[in-house]
Amino acid sequence: MTSAELAPLIEHTALKPETTPAAIARLCEEAVRLGLRGVCVNPIYVAEARRRLDGVAARPLVVSVVGFPLGASLTATKAAETRGVIDDGADEVDMVLVIGRLKAGELDAVEDDIAAVVAAAGGKAVKVILETSLLDDSEKIAACRLSARAGAAFVKTSTGFGGSHATVEDVALMRRTVGGELRIKASGGIRDFASARALVEAGAHVLGCSASVTIVGGG
């Protein structure tokens, strides 16, 4: 895999609380210049990112996050946030599942929460963030299966705020679980070309990276 082959898989990410409008402008410029899949921004910056990218040939997608980073918002709040970011121009939504309820075995509640966001997305792709560093393998498998049943398009490894990085082992487990039913986004601590390539080879279809410029330049 070359840098040119990797670039269209990367969602260039700026989700830190200190992110400024100037950082969003730079993120969008870099995504266009490098030919990346999209940008992933907090809800307050969706309209700004969409404004900067509209009219660009082969426009990068605008992706936003819901219930981020804890997943512990009310389901109604997640649904409203989903509608809000889509109204502002988001093409896809990355939601954090209800981690505590999953760990408590309250699987119907987890599925209902995901399904509410999927319904609010109105056909836009929803990625379900598992926060794999907080789950054991059986919980990761359950989360993948619930995401599929609820109508999600992707499962995603982590928020990047959970204290652990995306791993080849987690991506491979998720790929074995979902097969061709869902796609996989690896995110969290991806800092170099070799790591990015290894995650794709393990089964990731999309990568969420804040170090995109370094990664693409390193291939």
N, C-alpha and C. Protein backbone atom coordinates (compact mmCIF):
# COMPACT_ATOMS: atom_id res chain seq x y z
N MET A 1 0.84 -1.19 0.00
CA MET A 1 0.00 0.00 0.00
C MET A 1 0.88 1.24 0.00
N THR A 2 0.55 2.18 -0.89
CA THR A 2 1.28 3.43 -0.98
C THR A 2 0.52 4.56 -0.28
N SER A 3 1.17 5.69 -0.14
CA SER A 3 0.49 6.86 0.43
C SER A 3 -0.71 7.26 -0.40
N ALA A 4 -0.59 7.18 -1.71
CA ALA A 4 -1.70 7.55 -2.59
C ALA A 4 -2.88 6.62 -2.39
N GLU A 5 -2.63 5.37 -2.07
CA GLU A 5 -3.72 4.42 -1.83
C GLU A 5 -4.31 4.59 -0.43
N LEU A 6 -3.49 5.03 0.51
CA LEU A 6 -3.95 5.20 1.89
C LEU A 6 -4.77 6.47 2.07
N ALA A 7 -4.38 7.54 1.42
CA ALA A 7 -5.01 8.85 1.64
C ALA A 7 -6.53 8.84 1.54
N PRO A 8 -7.14 8.17 0.53
CA PRO A 8 -8.60 8.21 0.42
C PRO A 8 -9.34 7.44 1.52
N LEU A 9 -8.60 6.79 2.41
CA LEU A 9 -9.21 6.06 3.53
C LEU A 9 -9.20 6.89 4.82
N ILE A 10 -8.54 8.03 4.82
CA ILE A 10 -8.30 8.78 6.05
C ILE A 10 -9.33 9.89 6.25
N GLU A 11 -9.91 9.93 7.46
CA GLU A 11 -10.71 11.07 7.89
C GLU A 11 -9.83 11.93 8.80
N HIS A 12 -9.51 13.10 8.32
CA HIS A 12 -8.60 14.03 9.01
C HIS A 12 -9.37 14.64 10.19
N THR A 13 -8.83 14.47 11.39
CA THR A 13 -9.63 14.67 12.61
C THR A 13 -9.10 15.81 13.47
N ALA A 14 -10.04 16.63 13.97
CA ALA A 14 -9.71 17.69 14.94
C ALA A 14 -10.86 17.76 15.94
N LEU A 15 -10.72 17.03 17.05
CA LEU A 15 -11.80 16.92 18.04
C LEU A 15 -11.40 17.42 19.43
N LYS A 16 -10.21 17.94 19.58
CA LYS A 16 -9.78 18.41 20.90
C LYS A 16 -10.61 19.63 21.31
N PRO A 17 -10.81 19.80 22.61
CA PRO A 17 -11.64 20.92 23.05
C PRO A 17 -11.06 22.29 22.72
N GLU A 18 -9.76 22.36 22.54
CA GLU A 18 -9.13 23.65 22.24
C GLU A 18 -9.08 23.96 20.75
N THR A 19 -9.69 23.13 19.91
CA THR A 19 -9.70 23.37 18.47
C THR A 19 -10.35 24.71 18.14
N THR A 20 -9.70 25.49 17.29
CA THR A 20 -10.18 26.82 16.92
C THR A 20 -10.69 26.83 15.48
N PRO A 21 -11.42 27.88 15.09
CA PRO A 21 -11.82 28.00 13.69
C PRO A 21 -10.63 27.98 12.74
N ALA A 22 -9.52 28.58 13.13
CA ALA A 22 -8.33 28.56 12.28
C ALA A 22 -7.84 27.13 12.06
N ALA A 23 -7.94 26.30 13.10
CA ALA A 23 -7.53 24.90 12.97
C ALA A 23 -8.46 24.15 12.01
N ILE A 24 -9.74 24.49 12.01
CA ILE A 24 -10.68 23.86 11.08
C ILE A 24 -10.36 24.26 9.65
N ALA A 25 -10.02 25.53 9.44
CA ALA A 25 -9.63 25.98 8.11
C ALA A 25 -8.42 25.19 7.61
N ARG A 26 -7.44 25.01 8.48
CA ARG A 26 -6.24 24.27 8.11
C ARG A 26 -6.57 22.80 7.84
N LEU A 27 -7.43 22.22 8.67
CA LEU A 27 -7.84 20.82 8.50
C LEU A 27 -8.46 20.62 7.12
N CYS A 28 -9.35 21.50 6.74
CA CYS A 28 -10.03 21.37 5.45
C CYS A 28 -9.05 21.54 4.29
N GLU A 29 -8.15 22.51 4.40
CA GLU A 29 -7.16 22.72 3.34
C GLU A 29 -6.28 21.50 3.17
N GLU A 30 -5.85 20.90 4.28
CA GLU A 30 -5.00 19.72 4.21
C GLU A 30 -5.75 18.53 3.63
N ALA A 31 -7.02 18.38 4.00
CA ALA A 31 -7.81 17.25 3.47
C ALA A 31 -7.94 17.35 1.96
N VAL A 32 -8.17 18.56 1.46
CA VAL A 32 -8.28 18.75 0.01
C VAL A 32 -6.93 18.50 -0.66
N ARG A 33 -5.90 19.09 -0.12
CA ARG A 33 -4.57 18.99 -0.73
C ARG A 33 -4.06 17.55 -0.78
N LEU A 34 -4.37 16.77 0.25
CA LEU A 34 -3.86 15.40 0.33
C LEU A 34 -4.81 14.36 -0.28
N GLY A 35 -6.01 14.79 -0.66
CA GLY A 35 -6.97 13.85 -1.23
C GLY A 35 -7.52 12.88 -0.21
N LEU A 36 -7.82 13.37 1.01
CA LEU A 36 -8.31 12.51 2.09
C LEU A 36 -9.81 12.25 1.95
N ARG A 37 -10.28 11.19 2.63
CA ARG A 37 -11.69 10.82 2.57
C ARG A 37 -12.59 11.92 3.11
N GLY A 38 -12.17 12.52 4.23
CA GLY A 38 -13.03 13.51 4.85
C GLY A 38 -12.35 14.20 6.00
N VAL A 39 -13.13 15.06 6.66
CA VAL A 39 -12.71 15.68 7.91
C VAL A 39 -13.71 15.28 8.99
N CYS A 40 -13.22 15.14 10.22
CA CYS A 40 -14.08 14.79 11.34
C CYS A 40 -13.95 15.88 12.39
N VAL A 41 -15.07 16.56 12.67
CA VAL A 41 -15.05 17.74 13.52
C VAL A 41 -16.16 17.68 14.56
N ASN A 42 -16.01 18.46 15.61
CA ASN A 42 -17.06 18.58 16.60
C ASN A 42 -18.28 19.31 16.01
N PRO A 43 -19.45 19.10 16.62
CA PRO A 43 -20.68 19.67 16.03
C PRO A 43 -20.63 21.16 15.76
N ILE A 44 -19.98 21.94 16.62
CA ILE A 44 -19.99 23.39 16.41
C ILE A 44 -19.26 23.81 15.13
N TYR A 45 -18.46 22.92 14.56
CA TYR A 45 -17.68 23.29 13.38
C TYR A 45 -18.16 22.62 12.09
N VAL A 46 -19.28 21.92 12.15
CA VAL A 46 -19.78 21.25 10.94
C VAL A 46 -20.09 22.26 9.84
N ALA A 47 -20.86 23.29 10.16
CA ALA A 47 -21.24 24.27 9.14
C ALA A 47 -20.00 24.95 8.55
N GLU A 48 -19.02 25.25 9.41
CA GLU A 48 -17.78 25.89 8.95
C GLU A 48 -17.03 24.98 8.00
N ALA A 49 -16.90 23.71 8.35
CA ALA A 49 -16.20 22.77 7.49
C ALA A 49 -16.93 22.59 6.16
N ARG A 50 -18.25 22.47 6.23
CA ARG A 50 -19.02 22.29 5.00
C ARG A 50 -18.89 23.51 4.09
N ARG A 51 -18.92 24.70 4.67
CA ARG A 51 -18.77 25.92 3.88
C ARG A 51 -17.43 25.95 3.17
N ARG A 52 -16.39 25.52 3.86
CA ARG A 52 -15.06 25.55 3.27
C ARG A 52 -14.86 24.48 2.20
N LEU A 53 -15.61 23.39 2.29
CA LEU A 53 -15.40 22.28 1.37
C LEU A 53 -16.39 22.26 0.21
N ASP A 54 -17.52 22.90 0.36
CA ASP A 54 -18.49 22.92 -0.74
C ASP A 54 -17.86 23.56 -1.98
N GLY A 55 -18.12 22.95 -3.11
CA GLY A 55 -17.58 23.46 -4.36
C GLY A 55 -16.24 22.86 -4.73
N VAL A 56 -15.63 22.13 -3.81
CA VAL A 56 -14.35 21.47 -4.09
C VAL A 56 -14.61 20.23 -4.92
N ALA A 57 -13.86 20.05 -5.97
CA ALA A 57 -13.97 18.82 -6.76
C ALA A 57 -13.61 17.62 -5.88
N ALA A 58 -14.39 16.54 -6.00
CA ALA A 58 -14.18 15.36 -5.14
C ALA A 58 -14.14 15.78 -3.68
N ARG A 59 -15.17 16.52 -3.27
CA ARG A 59 -15.22 17.10 -1.93
C ARG A 59 -15.01 16.06 -0.84
N PRO A 60 -14.10 16.31 0.10
CA PRO A 60 -14.00 15.43 1.27
C PRO A 60 -15.32 15.46 2.06
N LEU A 61 -15.65 14.32 2.66
CA LEU A 61 -16.85 14.24 3.49
C LEU A 61 -16.68 15.06 4.76
N VAL A 62 -17.80 15.54 5.27
CA VAL A 62 -17.81 16.18 6.59
C VAL A 62 -18.44 15.19 7.57
N VAL A 63 -17.68 14.80 8.56
CA VAL A 63 -18.11 13.83 9.57
C VAL A 63 -18.15 14.54 10.92
N SER A 64 -19.17 14.25 11.72
CA SER A 64 -19.21 14.82 13.07
C SER A 64 -19.51 13.73 14.09
N VAL A 65 -19.45 14.12 15.36
CA VAL A 65 -19.56 13.17 16.46
C VAL A 65 -20.79 13.48 17.31
N VAL A 66 -21.33 12.44 17.92
CA VAL A 66 -22.56 12.53 18.72
C VAL A 66 -22.35 11.77 20.03
N GLY A 67 -22.79 12.38 21.13
CA GLY A 67 -22.59 11.76 22.44
C GLY A 67 -21.12 11.61 22.78
N PHE A 68 -20.34 12.53 22.31
CA PHE A 68 -18.88 12.43 22.36
C PHE A 68 -18.31 13.21 23.55
N PRO A 69 -17.32 12.66 24.26
CA PRO A 69 -16.66 11.38 24.05
C PRO A 69 -17.12 10.25 24.98
N LEU A 70 -18.12 10.50 25.84
CA LEU A 70 -18.46 9.52 26.89
C LEU A 70 -19.54 8.53 26.48
N GLY A 71 -20.42 8.93 25.57
CA GLY A 71 -21.53 8.06 25.19
C GLY A 71 -22.66 8.04 26.19
N ALA A 72 -22.59 8.90 27.23
CA ALA A 72 -23.54 8.83 28.32
C ALA A 72 -24.65 9.89 28.24
N SER A 73 -24.81 10.51 27.09
CA SER A 73 -25.91 11.45 26.90
C SER A 73 -27.23 10.70 26.83
N LEU A 74 -28.33 11.40 27.09
CA LEU A 74 -29.64 10.82 26.87
C LEU A 74 -29.81 10.45 25.40
N THR A 75 -30.54 9.38 25.16
CA THR A 75 -30.77 8.97 23.77
C THR A 75 -31.44 10.09 22.99
N ALA A 76 -32.41 10.76 23.60
CA ALA A 76 -33.09 11.87 22.91
C ALA A 76 -32.10 12.98 22.56
N THR A 77 -31.13 13.21 23.43
CA THR A 77 -30.12 14.22 23.16
C THR A 77 -29.24 13.80 21.98
N LYS A 78 -28.85 12.54 21.96
CA LYS A 78 -28.05 12.03 20.84
C LYS A 78 -28.81 12.17 19.52
N ALA A 79 -30.09 11.83 19.54
CA ALA A 79 -30.89 11.94 18.32
C ALA A 79 -31.00 13.38 17.86
N ALA A 80 -31.24 14.30 18.81
CA ALA A 80 -31.34 15.72 18.46
C ALA A 80 -30.01 16.24 17.92
N GLU A 81 -28.92 15.82 18.54
CA GLU A 81 -27.60 16.25 18.08
C GLU A 81 -27.34 15.73 16.67
N THR A 82 -27.77 14.51 16.41
CA THR A 82 -27.62 13.93 15.07
C THR A 82 -28.36 14.76 14.04
N ARG A 83 -29.60 15.08 14.32
CA ARG A 83 -30.36 15.90 13.38
C ARG A 83 -29.71 17.27 13.19
N GLY A 84 -29.16 17.82 14.27
CA GLY A 84 -28.53 19.13 14.19
C GLY A 84 -27.30 19.14 13.30
N VAL A 85 -26.43 18.14 13.44
CA VAL A 85 -25.21 18.14 12.62
C VAL A 85 -25.54 17.86 11.16
N ILE A 86 -26.54 17.02 10.92
CA ILE A 86 -26.93 16.77 9.53
C ILE A 86 -27.54 18.01 8.91
N ASP A 87 -28.36 18.72 9.66
CA ASP A 87 -28.91 19.98 9.16
C ASP A 87 -27.79 20.98 8.82
N ASP A 88 -26.69 20.92 9.57
CA ASP A 88 -25.57 21.82 9.33
C ASP A 88 -24.65 21.35 8.20
N GLY A 89 -24.89 20.13 7.69
CA GLY A 89 -24.11 19.69 6.54
C GLY A 89 -23.27 18.45 6.72
N ALA A 90 -23.40 17.74 7.84
CA ALA A 90 -22.62 16.51 8.03
C ALA A 90 -23.08 15.42 7.07
N ASP A 91 -22.11 14.70 6.52
CA ASP A 91 -22.40 13.57 5.64
C ASP A 91 -22.49 12.26 6.40
N GLU A 92 -21.77 12.16 7.52
CA GLU A 92 -21.76 10.95 8.34
C GLU A 92 -21.68 11.34 9.80
N VAL A 93 -22.09 10.41 10.68
CA VAL A 93 -22.13 10.66 12.12
C VAL A 93 -21.41 9.53 12.85
N ASP A 94 -20.50 9.89 13.73
CA ASP A 94 -19.81 8.93 14.59
C ASP A 94 -20.37 9.08 16.00
N MET A 95 -21.07 8.07 16.48
CA MET A 95 -21.70 8.13 17.81
C MET A 95 -20.98 7.22 18.79
N VAL A 96 -20.96 7.62 20.06
CA VAL A 96 -20.39 6.76 21.10
C VAL A 96 -21.52 5.96 21.73
N LEU A 97 -21.35 4.64 21.79
CA LEU A 97 -22.41 3.82 22.38
C LEU A 97 -22.46 4.01 23.90
N VAL A 98 -23.50 3.47 24.51
CA VAL A 98 -23.68 3.60 25.97
C VAL A 98 -22.82 2.53 26.64
N ILE A 99 -21.59 2.90 26.93
CA ILE A 99 -20.59 1.93 27.37
C ILE A 99 -21.00 1.27 28.69
N GLY A 100 -21.46 2.05 29.64
CA GLY A 100 -21.84 1.49 30.94
C GLY A 100 -22.97 0.50 30.84
N ARG A 101 -23.95 0.78 30.00
CA ARG A 101 -25.08 -0.15 29.85
C ARG A 101 -24.63 -1.43 29.14
N LEU A 102 -23.72 -1.30 28.20
CA LEU A 102 -23.18 -2.50 27.56
C LEU A 102 -22.48 -3.37 28.59
N LYS A 103 -21.66 -2.77 29.43
CA LYS A 103 -20.92 -3.54 30.42
C LYS A 103 -21.85 -4.14 31.47
N ALA A 104 -23.01 -3.51 31.68
CA ALA A 104 -24.00 -4.05 32.62
C ALA A 104 -24.87 -5.13 31.99
N GLY A 105 -24.68 -5.39 30.70
CA GLY A 105 -25.48 -6.41 30.03
C GLY A 105 -26.85 -5.93 29.59
N GLU A 106 -27.07 -4.62 29.59
CA GLU A 106 -28.37 -4.06 29.20
C GLU A 106 -28.38 -3.86 27.68
N LEU A 107 -28.40 -4.98 26.97
CA LEU A 107 -28.15 -4.95 25.53
C LEU A 107 -29.30 -4.31 24.75
N ASP A 108 -30.53 -4.49 25.20
CA ASP A 108 -31.65 -3.85 24.50
C ASP A 108 -31.52 -2.33 24.55
N ALA A 109 -31.10 -1.80 25.69
CA ALA A 109 -30.93 -0.35 25.82
C ALA A 109 -29.84 0.16 24.89
N VAL A 110 -28.76 -0.60 24.77
CA VAL A 110 -27.67 -0.21 23.87
C VAL A 110 -28.15 -0.20 22.43
N GLU A 111 -28.85 -1.26 22.03
CA GLU A 111 -29.35 -1.33 20.66
C GLU A 111 -30.35 -0.21 20.37
N ASP A 112 -31.23 0.06 21.32
CA ASP A 112 -32.23 1.12 21.12
C ASP A 112 -31.56 2.48 20.96
N ASP A 113 -30.50 2.72 21.72
CA ASP A 113 -29.77 3.98 21.65
C ASP A 113 -29.15 4.16 20.26
N ILE A 114 -28.53 3.11 19.75
CA ILE A 114 -27.94 3.17 18.41
C ILE A 114 -29.03 3.36 17.36
N ALA A 115 -30.11 2.60 17.50
CA ALA A 115 -31.19 2.67 16.51
C ALA A 115 -31.81 4.06 16.45
N ALA A 116 -31.88 4.75 17.58
CA ALA A 116 -32.44 6.10 17.60
C ALA A 116 -31.56 7.06 16.81
N VAL A 117 -30.26 6.91 16.92
CA VAL A 117 -29.35 7.76 16.16
C VAL A 117 -29.43 7.41 14.67
N VAL A 118 -29.48 6.13 14.36
CA VAL A 118 -29.62 5.72 12.96
C VAL A 118 -30.89 6.31 12.34
N ALA A 119 -31.98 6.25 13.09
CA ALA A 119 -33.24 6.81 12.58
C ALA A 119 -33.12 8.32 12.38
N ALA A 120 -32.50 9.01 13.34
CA ALA A 120 -32.34 10.46 13.25
C ALA A 120 -31.43 10.86 12.10
N ALA A 121 -30.51 9.96 11.72
CA ALA A 121 -29.56 10.26 10.64
C ALA A 121 -30.23 10.24 9.27
N GLY A 122 -31.41 9.65 9.17
CA GLY A 122 -32.17 9.71 7.94
C GLY A 122 -31.47 9.15 6.72
N GLY A 123 -30.74 8.07 6.89
CA GLY A 123 -30.05 7.45 5.76
C GLY A 123 -28.58 7.79 5.66
N LYS A 124 -28.12 8.78 6.41
CA LYS A 124 -26.68 9.07 6.47
C LYS A 124 -25.98 7.97 7.26
N ALA A 125 -24.76 7.65 6.89
CA ALA A 125 -24.02 6.58 7.55
C ALA A 125 -23.72 6.93 9.00
N VAL A 126 -23.96 5.95 9.89
CA VAL A 126 -23.65 6.09 11.31
C VAL A 126 -22.54 5.10 11.66
N LYS A 127 -21.51 5.63 12.32
CA LYS A 127 -20.44 4.78 12.85
C LYS A 127 -20.62 4.70 14.36
N VAL A 128 -20.51 3.51 14.92
CA VAL A 128 -20.67 3.31 16.35
C VAL A 128 -19.29 3.13 16.99
N ILE A 129 -18.96 4.06 17.88
CA ILE A 129 -17.65 4.03 18.56
C ILE A 129 -17.77 3.13 19.79
N LEU A 130 -16.95 2.07 19.82
CA LEU A 130 -17.04 1.08 20.90
C LEU A 130 -16.22 1.47 22.13
N GLU A 131 -15.19 2.26 21.96
CA GLU A 131 -14.18 2.54 23.01
C GLU A 131 -13.60 1.21 23.50
N THR A 132 -12.87 0.55 22.59
CA THR A 132 -12.42 -0.82 22.80
C THR A 132 -11.53 -0.99 24.03
N SER A 133 -10.82 0.07 24.43
CA SER A 133 -9.92 -0.07 25.59
C SER A 133 -10.69 -0.33 26.88
N LEU A 134 -11.99 -0.05 26.88
CA LEU A 134 -12.81 -0.24 28.08
C LEU A 134 -13.60 -1.56 28.05
N LEU A 135 -13.45 -2.33 26.97
CA LEU A 135 -14.27 -3.53 26.80
C LEU A 135 -13.41 -4.78 26.72
N ASP A 136 -13.97 -5.90 27.19
CA ASP A 136 -13.31 -7.17 26.93
C ASP A 136 -13.79 -7.69 25.57
N ASP A 137 -13.20 -8.81 25.13
CA ASP A 137 -13.51 -9.27 23.78
C ASP A 137 -14.98 -9.63 23.61
N SER A 138 -15.59 -10.22 24.63
CA SER A 138 -17.01 -10.59 24.50
C SER A 138 -17.87 -9.34 24.38
N GLU A 139 -17.49 -8.28 25.05
CA GLU A 139 -18.24 -7.02 24.96
C GLU A 139 -18.04 -6.36 23.60
N LYS A 140 -16.84 -6.45 23.07
CA LYS A 140 -16.59 -5.91 21.72
C LYS A 140 -17.44 -6.64 20.68
N ILE A 141 -17.51 -7.96 20.81
CA ILE A 141 -18.31 -8.75 19.88
C ILE A 141 -19.78 -8.39 20.01
N ALA A 142 -20.26 -8.28 21.24
CA ALA A 142 -21.66 -7.92 21.46
C ALA A 142 -21.96 -6.54 20.87
N ALA A 143 -21.06 -5.58 21.06
CA ALA A 143 -21.27 -4.23 20.54
C ALA A 143 -21.34 -4.24 19.02
N CYS A 144 -20.48 -5.01 18.38
CA CYS A 144 -20.52 -5.11 16.92
C CYS A 144 -21.86 -5.68 16.45
N ARG A 145 -22.32 -6.72 17.10
CA ARG A 145 -23.58 -7.36 16.68
C ARG A 145 -24.77 -6.45 16.93
N LEU A 146 -24.77 -5.74 18.04
CA LEU A 146 -25.86 -4.79 18.31
C LEU A 146 -25.86 -3.66 17.29
N SER A 147 -24.68 -3.19 16.92
CA SER A 147 -24.58 -2.12 15.93
C SER A 147 -25.15 -2.56 14.59
N ALA A 148 -24.86 -3.80 14.20
CA ALA A 148 -25.40 -4.32 12.95
C ALA A 148 -26.92 -4.41 13.02
N ARG A 149 -27.44 -4.92 14.11
CA ARG A 149 -28.90 -5.07 14.24
C ARG A 149 -29.61 -3.72 14.24
N ALA A 150 -28.94 -2.71 14.78
CA ALA A 150 -29.55 -1.39 14.88
C ALA A 150 -29.46 -0.59 13.59
N GLY A 151 -28.75 -1.10 12.59
CA GLY A 151 -28.70 -0.44 11.30
C GLY A 151 -27.52 0.47 11.06
N ALA A 152 -26.49 0.38 11.91
CA ALA A 152 -25.30 1.20 11.69
C ALA A 152 -24.57 0.75 10.43
N ALA A 153 -23.72 1.63 9.92
CA ALA A 153 -22.93 1.32 8.73
C ALA A 153 -21.51 0.89 9.07
N PHE A 154 -21.00 1.38 10.20
CA PHE A 154 -19.62 1.11 10.63
C PHE A 154 -19.60 0.80 12.12
N VAL A 155 -18.57 0.10 12.54
CA VAL A 155 -18.14 0.11 13.94
C VAL A 155 -16.75 0.72 13.97
N LYS A 156 -16.48 1.46 15.05
CA LYS A 156 -15.24 2.23 15.16
C LYS A 156 -14.57 1.90 16.48
N THR A 157 -13.25 1.88 16.49
CA THR A 157 -12.53 1.40 17.67
C THR A 157 -12.69 2.31 18.88
N SER A 158 -12.43 3.62 18.70
CA SER A 158 -12.33 4.46 19.89
C SER A 158 -12.50 5.93 19.58
N THR A 159 -12.68 6.69 20.65
CA THR A 159 -12.80 8.15 20.54
C THR A 159 -11.44 8.83 20.40
N GLY A 160 -10.40 8.17 20.86
CA GLY A 160 -9.10 8.81 20.97
C GLY A 160 -8.91 9.48 22.32
N PHE A 161 -9.97 9.48 23.15
CA PHE A 161 -9.90 10.09 24.48
C PHE A 161 -9.94 9.04 25.59
N GLY A 162 -9.91 7.75 25.23
CA GLY A 162 -10.09 6.69 26.20
C GLY A 162 -8.82 6.12 26.77
N GLY A 163 -7.68 6.70 26.42
CA GLY A 163 -6.43 6.27 27.02
C GLY A 163 -5.75 5.11 26.34
N SER A 164 -6.25 4.68 25.17
CA SER A 164 -5.61 3.58 24.47
C SER A 164 -5.71 3.81 22.98
N HIS A 165 -4.86 3.14 22.22
CA HIS A 165 -4.79 3.31 20.78
C HIS A 165 -5.56 2.21 20.05
N ALA A 166 -5.91 2.47 18.81
CA ALA A 166 -6.44 1.42 17.96
C ALA A 166 -5.38 0.33 17.79
N THR A 167 -5.81 -0.92 17.86
CA THR A 167 -4.86 -2.03 17.74
C THR A 167 -5.26 -2.94 16.59
N VAL A 168 -4.25 -3.58 16.03
CA VAL A 168 -4.47 -4.58 14.98
C VAL A 168 -5.37 -5.69 15.50
N GLU A 169 -5.16 -6.09 16.75
CA GLU A 169 -5.94 -7.18 17.33
C GLU A 169 -7.42 -6.82 17.41
N ASP A 170 -7.74 -5.61 17.84
CA ASP A 170 -9.14 -5.20 17.92
C ASP A 170 -9.78 -5.11 16.55
N VAL A 171 -9.06 -4.54 15.60
CA VAL A 171 -9.61 -4.43 14.24
C VAL A 171 -9.87 -5.81 13.66
N ALA A 172 -8.94 -6.73 13.86
CA ALA A 172 -9.12 -8.08 13.34
C ALA A 172 -10.32 -8.76 13.99
N LEU A 173 -10.50 -8.58 15.30
CA LEU A 173 -11.65 -9.15 16.00
C LEU A 173 -12.95 -8.57 15.46
N MET A 174 -12.98 -7.26 15.28
CA MET A 174 -14.18 -6.62 14.76
C MET A 174 -14.48 -7.11 13.34
N ARG A 175 -13.44 -7.26 12.54
CA ARG A 175 -13.64 -7.75 11.16
C ARG A 175 -14.18 -9.17 11.15
N ARG A 176 -13.65 -10.02 12.02
CA ARG A 176 -14.17 -11.39 12.09
C ARG A 176 -15.63 -11.40 12.52
N THR A 177 -15.99 -10.48 13.39
CA THR A 177 -17.36 -10.46 13.93
C THR A 177 -18.36 -9.94 12.92
N VAL A 178 -18.02 -8.87 12.24
CA VAL A 178 -19.01 -8.25 11.34
C VAL A 178 -18.91 -8.76 9.92
N GLY A 179 -17.80 -9.40 9.56
CA GLY A 179 -17.64 -9.88 8.19
C GLY A 179 -17.81 -8.75 7.20
N GLY A 180 -18.67 -8.99 6.22
CA GLY A 180 -18.94 -7.95 5.23
C GLY A 180 -20.17 -7.13 5.56
N GLU A 181 -20.76 -7.35 6.74
CA GLU A 181 -22.02 -6.69 7.08
C GLU A 181 -21.83 -5.21 7.41
N LEU A 182 -20.74 -4.89 8.13
CA LEU A 182 -20.43 -3.51 8.49
C LEU A 182 -19.00 -3.21 8.07
N ARG A 183 -18.71 -1.93 7.90
CA ARG A 183 -17.34 -1.50 7.69
C ARG A 183 -16.72 -1.11 9.05
N ILE A 184 -15.42 -0.95 9.04
CA ILE A 184 -14.68 -0.70 10.28
C ILE A 184 -13.85 0.57 10.13
N LYS A 185 -13.94 1.42 11.16
CA LYS A 185 -13.09 2.60 11.24
C LYS A 185 -12.15 2.43 12.42
N ALA A 186 -10.87 2.51 12.17
CA ALA A 186 -9.87 2.47 13.23
C ALA A 186 -9.47 3.90 13.56
N SER A 187 -9.47 4.21 14.85
CA SER A 187 -9.16 5.58 15.28
C SER A 187 -8.53 5.54 16.66
N GLY A 188 -7.59 6.46 16.88
CA GLY A 188 -6.96 6.57 18.20
C GLY A 188 -5.50 6.22 18.14
N GLY A 189 -4.63 7.24 18.20
CA GLY A 189 -3.20 7.01 18.31
C GLY A 189 -2.50 6.54 17.07
N ILE A 190 -3.10 6.77 15.90
CA ILE A 190 -2.47 6.36 14.64
C ILE A 190 -1.55 7.49 14.20
N ARG A 191 -0.25 7.28 14.32
CA ARG A 191 0.71 8.37 14.16
C ARG A 191 1.66 8.24 12.98
N ASP A 192 1.74 7.05 12.36
CA ASP A 192 2.72 6.89 11.29
C ASP A 192 2.17 5.97 10.21
N PHE A 193 2.84 5.98 9.06
CA PHE A 193 2.37 5.24 7.90
C PHE A 193 2.32 3.74 8.18
N ALA A 194 3.33 3.20 8.83
CA ALA A 194 3.38 1.75 9.08
C ALA A 194 2.20 1.30 9.94
N SER A 195 1.87 2.06 10.98
CA SER A 195 0.74 1.72 11.84
C SER A 195 -0.57 1.79 11.06
N ALA A 196 -0.72 2.84 10.26
CA ALA A 196 -1.93 3.00 9.47
C ALA A 196 -2.10 1.83 8.50
N ARG A 197 -1.04 1.48 7.82
CA ARG A 197 -1.10 0.37 6.86
C ARG A 197 -1.44 -0.94 7.56
N ALA A 198 -0.86 -1.17 8.73
CA ALA A 198 -1.14 -2.42 9.46
C ALA A 198 -2.61 -2.53 9.83
N LEU A 199 -3.22 -1.42 10.21
CA LEU A 199 -4.64 -1.44 10.58
C LEU A 199 -5.53 -1.71 9.37
N VAL A 200 -5.16 -1.16 8.23
CA VAL A 200 -5.92 -1.45 7.00
C VAL A 200 -5.75 -2.92 6.63
N GLU A 201 -4.56 -3.43 6.73
CA GLU A 201 -4.32 -4.84 6.41
C GLU A 201 -5.06 -5.76 7.36
N ALA A 202 -5.32 -5.30 8.59
CA ALA A 202 -6.07 -6.11 9.56
C ALA A 202 -7.57 -6.07 9.30
N GLY A 203 -8.03 -5.13 8.49
CA GLY A 203 -9.45 -5.11 8.15
C GLY A 203 -10.14 -3.77 8.24
N ALA A 204 -9.42 -2.69 8.58
CA ALA A 204 -10.04 -1.37 8.66
C ALA A 204 -10.30 -0.84 7.25
N HIS A 205 -11.50 -0.27 7.07
CA HIS A 205 -11.86 0.35 5.80
C HIS A 205 -11.58 1.85 5.80
N VAL A 206 -11.61 2.45 6.98
CA VAL A 206 -11.43 3.89 7.16
C VAL A 206 -10.55 4.11 8.39
N LEU A 207 -9.75 5.17 8.36
CA LEU A 207 -8.90 5.53 9.50
C LEU A 207 -9.24 6.95 9.94
N GLY A 208 -9.35 7.15 11.25
CA GLY A 208 -9.49 8.48 11.81
C GLY A 208 -8.16 8.92 12.37
N CYS A 209 -7.60 10.01 11.83
CA CYS A 209 -6.23 10.39 12.19
C CYS A 209 -6.13 11.91 12.33
N SER A 210 -5.47 12.36 13.38
CA SER A 210 -5.11 13.77 13.48
C SER A 210 -3.73 14.01 12.89
N ALA A 211 -2.93 12.96 12.75
CA ALA A 211 -1.57 13.06 12.20
C ALA A 211 -1.54 12.72 10.71
N SER A 212 -2.60 13.06 10.01
CA SER A 212 -2.75 12.65 8.60
C SER A 212 -1.62 13.14 7.72
N VAL A 213 -1.17 14.37 7.93
CA VAL A 213 -0.12 14.93 7.08
C VAL A 213 1.16 14.11 7.23
N THR A 214 1.50 13.77 8.45
CA THR A 214 2.69 12.95 8.69
C THR A 214 2.52 11.56 8.11
N ILE A 215 1.36 10.98 8.30
CA ILE A 215 1.11 9.61 7.82
C ILE A 215 1.21 9.53 6.31
N VAL A 216 0.55 10.41 5.62
CA VAL A 216 0.57 10.35 4.16
C VAL A 216 1.95 10.70 3.62
N GLY A 217 2.65 11.57 4.32
CA GLY A 217 4.01 11.91 3.88
C GLY A 217 5.03 10.84 4.17
N GLY A 218 4.66 9.86 5.01
CA GLY A 218 5.60 8.84 5.42
C GLY A 218 5.60 7.59 4.60
N GLY A 219 4.76 7.56 3.55
CA GLY A 219 4.66 6.35 2.74
C GLY A 219 5.50 6.40 1.50
